[in-house]
Protein backbone atom coordinates (compact mmCIF):
# COMPACT_ATOMS: atom_id res chain seq x y z
CA VAL A 1 -6.27 -9.52 24.14
CA GLY A 2 -3.93 -10.66 21.48
CA SER A 3 -2.03 -12.72 24.21
CA ILE A 4 -5.22 -13.99 25.32
CA ILE A 5 -6.48 -15.00 22.16
CA GLY A 6 -3.17 -16.72 21.41
CA ASN A 7 -3.44 -18.91 24.37
CA LEU A 8 -6.94 -20.00 23.98
CA HIS A 9 -7.46 -23.42 22.30
CA LEU A 10 -9.75 -22.41 19.40
CA SER A 11 -10.95 -24.25 16.40
CA THR A 12 -9.38 -23.63 12.94
CA LYS A 13 -12.48 -21.90 11.81
CA SER A 14 -12.16 -19.39 14.84
CA LYS A 15 -8.40 -18.76 14.28
CA ASP A 16 -8.99 -18.25 10.46
CA ALA A 17 -11.90 -15.80 11.44
CA ILE A 18 -9.53 -13.87 13.93
CA PHE A 19 -6.83 -13.74 11.36
CA ALA A 20 -9.04 -12.37 8.66
CA LEU A 21 -10.12 -9.56 11.17
CA LYS A 22 -6.26 -8.85 11.87
CA VAL A 23 -5.82 -8.63 8.05
CA LYS A 24 -8.92 -6.41 7.59
CA LYS A 25 -7.93 -4.07 10.25
CA ALA A 26 -4.35 -3.84 8.75
CA ALA A 27 -5.91 -3.08 5.30
CA GLU A 28 -8.23 -0.36 6.64
CA ASP A 29 -5.17 1.45 8.43
CA VAL A 30 -3.17 1.11 5.38
CA ILE A 31 -5.93 2.46 3.05
CA ALA A 32 -6.61 5.51 5.33
CA ASN A 33 -2.80 6.19 5.39
CA VAL A 34 -2.06 5.65 1.82
CA CYS A 35 -5.10 7.26 0.38
CA GLN A 36 -4.86 10.68 2.44
CA ASP A 37 -4.91 12.76 -0.78
CA LEU A 38 -8.50 11.32 -1.44
CA PRO A 39 -11.39 13.27 0.08
CA LYS A 40 -12.60 11.94 3.32
CA GLU A 41 -16.02 11.26 1.86
CA ALA A 42 -14.44 9.01 -0.53
CA ILE A 43 -12.39 7.17 1.93
CA ALA A 44 -15.43 6.75 4.29
CA GLN A 45 -16.88 4.79 1.38
CA ILE A 46 -14.37 2.19 1.32
CA LYS A 47 -15.13 -1.07 2.88
CA VAL A 48 -12.77 -4.10 3.44
CA LYS A 49 -15.39 -6.85 3.01
CA SER A 50 -13.41 -10.20 3.31
CA PHE A 51 -10.11 -11.96 3.41
CA THR A 52 -10.06 -15.47 2.35
CA ASN A 53 -7.10 -17.84 0.85
CA GLY A 54 -4.73 -14.59 0.40
CA GLN A 55 -7.58 -12.52 -1.48
CA LEU A 56 -8.65 -9.41 0.14
CA THR A 57 -12.07 -7.94 -1.16
CA ILE A 58 -12.68 -4.24 -1.07
CA LEU A 59 -15.93 -2.51 -1.74
CA ALA A 60 -15.89 1.08 -3.15
CA PRO A 61 -17.94 3.28 -5.45
CA THR A 62 -16.85 3.05 -9.14
CA LEU A 63 -14.39 6.09 -9.13
CA VAL A 64 -12.82 5.22 -5.65
CA SER A 65 -12.56 1.63 -6.88
CA LEU A 66 -10.85 2.45 -10.01
CA GLU A 67 -8.43 4.79 -8.06
CA LEU A 68 -7.58 2.01 -5.66
CA LYS A 69 -6.97 -0.34 -8.39
CA MET A 70 -4.27 1.76 -9.82
CA ARG A 71 -2.77 1.78 -6.21
CA SER A 72 -3.34 -1.99 -5.57
CA GLU A 73 0.34 -3.14 -5.69
CA GLY A 74 1.29 -0.45 -3.36
CA LEU A 75 -1.58 -1.19 -1.10
CA LYS A 76 -0.74 -4.79 -1.19
CA ASP A 77 2.81 -4.23 -0.40
CA GLN A 78 1.96 -1.91 2.56
CA ILE A 79 -0.52 -4.36 4.02
CA ASN A 80 1.91 -7.27 3.87
CA LYS A 81 4.67 -5.07 5.60
CA ALA A 82 2.10 -4.04 8.39
CA LEU A 83 1.39 -7.89 8.80
CA ALA A 84 5.09 -8.52 8.58
CA LYS A 85 4.37 -11.43 6.33
CA ASP A 86 3.50 -11.84 2.57
CA ILE A 87 -0.25 -12.71 3.39
CA VAL A 88 -2.26 -10.86 0.86
CA LYS A 89 -1.70 -12.22 -2.71
CA LYS A 90 -4.40 -10.50 -4.39
CA ILE A 91 -6.85 -7.48 -3.88
CA VAL A 92 -10.28 -7.64 -5.67
CA PHE A 93 -12.24 -4.36 -5.87
CA ARG A 94 -16.05 -4.78 -6.08
CA VAL A 95 -18.25 -1.82 -7.04
CA GLU A 96 -20.75 -0.98 -4.23
């Protein structure tokens, strides 16, 4: 699928949307891996909302959001490592 998408002639908006989905998927995988010590119910409430202009927005309940904020530098480093580039510049946490 990735090679097919790479060969299509897509508009800039389409490429940006596909790239944002790739970043969101990487973030979800990293959160699931890094936060294994949290209860499964807490991890299930974490939602990667959006990615634009280097800013990743994550929705979570208050306590989970605070815990993620404490881990934000490690999360950012792991997400960028998964993407093999320094893509995510900032992570913003919103209370759901």
